[in-house]
Amino acid sequence: MEAESQRSKGRQGAVLVLDTAIEALNLAKELSSITPVKVVFGAVGVVLTMIRVSLLGFSSVDCGLKCT
C-alpha cells in the first residue's frame, strides 16, 4: 500500500509540473509576436496536455490491471 501511495504522490507531482509548464507555454504564446513561435508553443502545449490527461486518466480509472 505504501508503494501505491508514493506512486500516487509522484503522479500528482508530475501533473503539477505539467500544469505549470502548460501555463508558461500559454503565456509565452500570448506574448510572442512571431507567428511560427506561437505555433510551436501551441503544439508543445497540446502534447503536454495530452500527457497530463493520460496521467490523470490512469490514476482515476481502476482498470483491474497493474498500471505502472
C-alpha atoms as a PDB file:
ATOM      1  CA  MET A   1       0.000   0.000   0.000  1.00  0.00           C
ATOM      2  CA  GLU A   2       2.825   2.383   0.789  1.00  0.00           C
ATOM      3  CA  ALA A   3       4.299   1.934  -2.684  1.00  0.00           C
ATOM      4  CA  GLU A   4       0.911   2.818  -4.219  1.00  0.00           C
ATOM      5  CA  SER A   5       0.753   5.965  -2.075  1.00  0.00           C
ATOM      6  CA  GLN A   6       4.235   7.021  -3.187  1.00  0.00           C
ATOM      7  CA  ARG A   7       3.333   6.346  -6.816  1.00  0.00           C
ATOM      8  CA  SER A   8       0.216   8.486  -6.438  1.00  0.00           C
ATOM      9  CA  LYS A   9       2.220  11.336  -4.887  1.00  0.00           C
ATOM     10  CA  GLY A  10       4.763  11.109  -7.697  1.00  0.00           C
ATOM     11  CA  ARG A  11       1.998  11.223 -10.280  1.00  0.00           C
ATOM     12  CA  GLN A  12       0.435  14.257  -8.571  1.00  0.00           C
ATOM     13  CA  GLY A  13       3.811  15.993  -8.613  1.00  0.00           C
ATOM     14  CA  ALA A  14       4.225  15.257 -12.312  1.00  0.00           C
ATOM     15  CA  VAL A  15       0.752  16.647 -13.035  1.00  0.00           C
ATOM     16  CA  LEU A  16       1.595  19.806 -11.072  1.00  0.00           C
ATOM     17  CA  VAL A  17       4.795  20.293 -13.079  1.00  0.00           C
ATOM     18  CA  LEU A  18       2.900  19.725 -16.329  1.00  0.00           C
ATOM     19  CA  ASP A  19       0.226  22.253 -15.295  1.00  0.00           C
ATOM     20  CA  THR A  20       2.932  24.833 -14.628  1.00  0.00           C
ATOM     21  CA  ALA A  21       4.677  24.149 -17.940  1.00  0.00           C
ATOM     22  CA  ILE A  22       1.395  24.352 -19.861  1.00  0.00           C
ATOM     23  CA  GLU A  23       0.540  27.689 -18.258  1.00  0.00           C
ATOM     24  CA  ALA A  24       4.030  29.047 -19.034  1.00  0.00           C
ATOM     25  CA  LEU A  25       3.707  27.969 -22.669  1.00  0.00           C
ATOM     26  CA  ASN A  26       0.281  29.575 -22.956  1.00  0.00           C
ATOM     27  CA  LEU A  27       1.658  32.828 -21.546  1.00  0.00           C
ATOM     28  CA  ALA A  28       4.671  32.720 -23.878  1.00  0.00           C
ATOM     29  CA  LYS A  29       2.354  32.055 -26.813  1.00  0.00           C
ATOM     30  CA  GLU A  30       0.208  35.074 -25.935  1.00  0.00           C
ATOM     31  CA  LEU A  31       3.218  37.360 -25.501  1.00  0.00           C
ATOM     32  CA  SER A  32       5.016  36.264 -28.665  1.00  0.00           C
ATOM     33  CA  SER A  33       4.635  38.338 -31.788  1.00  0.00           C
ATOM     34  CA  ILE A  34       6.306  35.802 -34.096  1.00  0.00           C
ATOM     35  CA  THR A  35       3.738  33.532 -35.745  1.00  0.00           C
ATOM     36  CA  PRO A  36       5.929  30.410 -36.146  1.00  0.00           C
ATOM     37  CA  VAL A  37       6.894  30.629 -32.477  1.00  0.00           C
ATOM     38  CA  LYS A  38       3.226  30.824 -31.495  1.00  0.00           C
ATOM     39  CA  VAL A  39       2.580  27.653 -33.499  1.00  0.00           C
ATOM     40  CA  VAL A  40       5.421  25.811 -31.752  1.00  0.00           C
ATOM     41  CA  PHE A  41       4.277  26.927 -28.285  1.00  0.00           C
ATOM     42  CA  GLY A  42       0.745  25.827 -29.128  1.00  0.00           C
ATOM     43  CA  ALA A  43       1.855  22.407 -30.400  1.00  0.00           C
ATOM     44  CA  VAL A  44       4.046  21.736 -27.378  1.00  0.00           C
ATOM     45  CA  GLY A  45       1.204  22.827 -25.101  1.00  0.00           C
ATOM     46  CA  VAL A  46      -1.128  20.326 -26.783  1.00  0.00           C
ATOM     47  CA  VAL A  47       1.391  17.497 -26.344  1.00  0.00           C
ATOM     48  CA  LEU A  48       1.903  18.332 -22.666  1.00  0.00           C
ATOM     49  CA  THR A  49      -1.862  18.494 -22.157  1.00  0.00           C
ATOM     50  CA  MET A  50      -2.255  15.038 -23.691  1.00  0.00           C
ATOM     51  CA  ILE A  51       0.428  13.680 -21.367  1.00  0.00           C
ATOM     52  CA  ARG A  52      -1.301  15.315 -18.403  1.00  0.00           C
ATOM     53  CA  VAL A  53      -4.674  13.838 -19.336  1.00  0.00           C
ATOM     54  CA  SER A  54      -3.171  10.379 -19.722  1.00  0.00           C
ATOM     55  CA  LEU A  55      -1.602  10.635 -16.258  1.00  0.00           C
ATOM     56  CA  LEU A  56      -4.896  11.730 -14.748  1.00  0.00           C
ATOM     57  CA  GLY A  57      -6.780   9.000 -16.570  1.00  0.00           C
ATOM     58  CA  PHE A  58      -4.568   6.212 -15.293  1.00  0.00           C
ATOM     59  CA  SER A  59      -4.722   7.489 -11.744  1.00  0.00           C
ATOM     60  CA  SER A  60      -8.520   7.677 -11.594  1.00  0.00           C
ATOM     61  CA  VAL A  61      -9.538   4.570 -13.539  1.00  0.00           C
ATOM     62  CA  ASP A  62      -9.408   1.156 -11.909  1.00  0.00           C
ATOM     63  CA  CYS A  63      -8.560  -0.975 -14.929  1.00  0.00           C
ATOM     64  CA  GLY A  64      -8.160  -4.190 -12.930  1.00  0.00           C
ATOM     65  CA  LEU A  65      -4.552  -4.452 -14.105  1.00  0.00           C
ATOM     66  CA  LYS A  66      -1.354  -3.327 -12.506  1.00  0.00           C
ATOM     67  CA  CYS A  67      -0.880   0.043 -14.215  1.00  0.00           C
ATOM     68  CA  THR A  68       2.642   1.393 -13.734  1.00  0.00           C
END
